[in-house]
């Protein structure tokens, strides 16, 4: 688990990357919603995309999304290059973490410790 939470330009880059991945996944999977278990899996990936965009449990959710996107791509016979690209980007976010500008950064970010004067 990455607990460094980059700030500044790196943190802003992670926000843009997370937002782009989330938006593309939502657009693509909303077009793939069908009845049955494949539609349920698409709905689950859409939920994971929202969590990626917010930056909540980013490393875990992004890794799970990468695996599910690859599975959906193989099963649904959709665009293999697009699915592989989204899975690779999700895996990259899983390795980098959410950054300082995420819910993970707010919950687990840097802490200031103040010692009492003696």
Protein backbone atom coordinates (compact mmCIF):
# COMPACT_ATOMS: atom_id res chain seq x y z
CA UNK A 1 0.00 0.00 0.00
CA UNK A 2 1.39 3.37 -1.01
CA UNK A 3 1.36 5.87 1.86
CA UNK A 4 3.47 8.64 0.32
CA UNK A 5 0.54 10.67 -1.11
CA UNK A 6 2.27 12.96 -3.63
CA UNK A 7 1.27 16.61 -3.62
CA UNK A 8 1.77 19.45 -6.09
CA UNK A 9 2.05 18.66 -9.79
CA UNK A 10 2.34 14.91 -9.18
CA UNK A 11 -0.81 14.91 -7.06
CA UNK A 12 -2.65 16.96 -9.67
CA UNK A 13 -1.51 14.50 -12.34
CA UNK A 14 -2.96 11.64 -10.31
CA UNK A 15 -6.28 13.50 -9.97
CA UNK A 16 -6.43 13.97 -13.74
CA UNK A 17 -5.48 10.32 -14.34
CA UNK A 18 -8.04 9.00 -11.85
CA UNK A 19 -10.77 11.25 -13.25
CA UNK A 20 -10.03 10.27 -16.84
CA UNK A 21 -10.01 6.56 -16.06
CA UNK A 22 -13.24 6.85 -14.10
CA UNK A 23 -14.99 8.82 -16.85
CA UNK A 24 -13.93 6.47 -19.66
CA UNK A 25 -14.91 3.38 -17.67
CA UNK A 26 -18.32 4.88 -16.87
CA UNK A 27 -18.95 5.82 -20.50
CA UNK A 28 -17.89 2.46 -21.90
CA UNK A 29 -19.58 0.28 -19.30
CA UNK A 30 -22.85 2.24 -19.44
CA UNK A 31 -23.03 1.29 -23.11
CA UNK A 32 -22.42 -2.37 -22.20
CA UNK A 33 -25.16 -2.69 -19.60
CA UNK A 34 -27.25 -5.72 -20.48
CA UNK A 35 -29.34 -8.10 -18.46
CA UNK A 36 -27.81 -11.07 -16.74
CA UNK A 37 -24.51 -11.61 -15.01
CA UNK A 38 -22.52 -9.63 -17.61
CA UNK A 39 -24.62 -6.56 -16.87
CA UNK A 40 -24.09 -7.05 -13.15
CA UNK A 41 -20.34 -7.23 -13.73
CA UNK A 42 -20.48 -4.04 -15.80
CA UNK A 43 -22.44 -2.37 -13.00
CA UNK A 44 -19.80 -3.49 -10.49
CA UNK A 45 -17.01 -2.04 -12.65
CA UNK A 46 -18.96 1.24 -12.85
CA UNK A 47 -19.09 1.33 -9.04
CA UNK A 48 -15.35 0.72 -8.90
CA UNK A 49 -14.84 3.56 -11.39
CA UNK A 50 -16.66 5.95 -9.06
CA UNK A 51 -14.42 4.87 -6.18
CA UNK A 52 -11.33 5.37 -8.36
CA UNK A 53 -12.51 8.88 -9.28
CA UNK A 54 -13.05 9.76 -5.62
CA UNK A 55 -9.80 8.15 -4.54
CA UNK A 56 -11.29 5.82 -1.94
CA UNK A 57 -9.32 2.58 -1.35
CA UNK A 58 -7.55 3.50 -4.57
CA UNK A 59 -4.88 0.79 -4.74
CA UNK A 60 -7.25 -2.07 -3.99
CA UNK A 61 -10.12 -0.80 -6.13
CA UNK A 62 -7.89 0.00 -9.12
CA UNK A 63 -6.29 -3.45 -9.07
CA UNK A 64 -9.70 -5.11 -8.88
CA UNK A 65 -11.00 -2.90 -11.69
CA UNK A 66 -8.03 -3.84 -13.89
CA UNK A 67 -8.77 -7.55 -13.46
CA UNK A 68 -12.51 -7.13 -14.05
CA UNK A 69 -11.96 -4.94 -17.12
CA UNK A 70 -9.73 -7.61 -18.66
CA UNK A 71 -12.32 -10.27 -17.85
CA UNK A 72 -15.13 -8.21 -19.38
CA UNK A 73 -13.04 -7.53 -22.46
CA UNK A 74 -12.36 -11.22 -22.99
CA UNK A 75 -15.93 -12.34 -22.33
CA UNK A 76 -17.85 -9.61 -24.16
CA UNK A 77 -15.70 -9.65 -27.32
CA UNK A 78 -15.44 -5.85 -27.18
CA UNK A 79 -12.49 -3.71 -28.23
CA UNK A 80 -9.42 -5.59 -26.93
CA UNK A 81 -7.05 -2.63 -27.31
CA UNK A 82 -9.31 -0.30 -25.35
CA UNK A 83 -9.84 -2.88 -22.60
CA UNK A 84 -6.11 -3.58 -22.32
CA UNK A 85 -5.35 0.15 -22.18
CA UNK A 86 -7.91 0.77 -19.43
CA UNK A 87 -6.66 -2.23 -17.48
CA UNK A 88 -3.06 -1.01 -17.77
CA UNK A 89 -4.01 2.49 -16.63
CA UNK A 90 -5.98 1.06 -13.72
CA UNK A 91 -2.98 -1.07 -12.75
CA UNK A 92 -0.76 2.02 -12.90
CA UNK A 93 -3.09 3.88 -10.54
CA UNK A 94 -3.10 0.85 -8.26
CA UNK A 95 0.69 1.01 -8.08
CA UNK A 96 0.83 4.80 -7.54
CA UNK A 97 -2.03 5.18 -5.09
CA UNK A 98 -4.54 7.98 -4.84
CA UNK A 99 -2.28 10.93 -4.12
CA UNK A 100 -2.79 13.76 -1.67
CA UNK A 101 -5.93 15.01 -3.43
CA UNK A 102 -8.04 11.94 -2.76
CA UNK A 103 -10.18 10.59 0.05
CA UNK A 104 -7.33 8.21 0.89
CA UNK A 105 -5.03 11.21 1.20
CA UNK A 106 -7.46 12.92 3.53
CA UNK A 107 -7.97 9.86 5.70
CA UNK A 108 -4.41 8.54 5.83
CA UNK A 109 -2.25 11.48 4.74
CA UNK A 110 0.45 13.35 6.54
CA UNK A 111 -0.03 13.97 10.23
CA UNK A 112 1.44 16.65 12.41
CA UNK A 113 2.56 15.56 15.84
CA UNK A 114 2.85 18.26 18.47
CA UNK A 115 4.75 17.48 21.62
CA UNK A 116 3.79 19.15 24.87
CA UNK A 117 6.28 21.61 26.32
CA UNK A 118 8.07 20.30 29.38
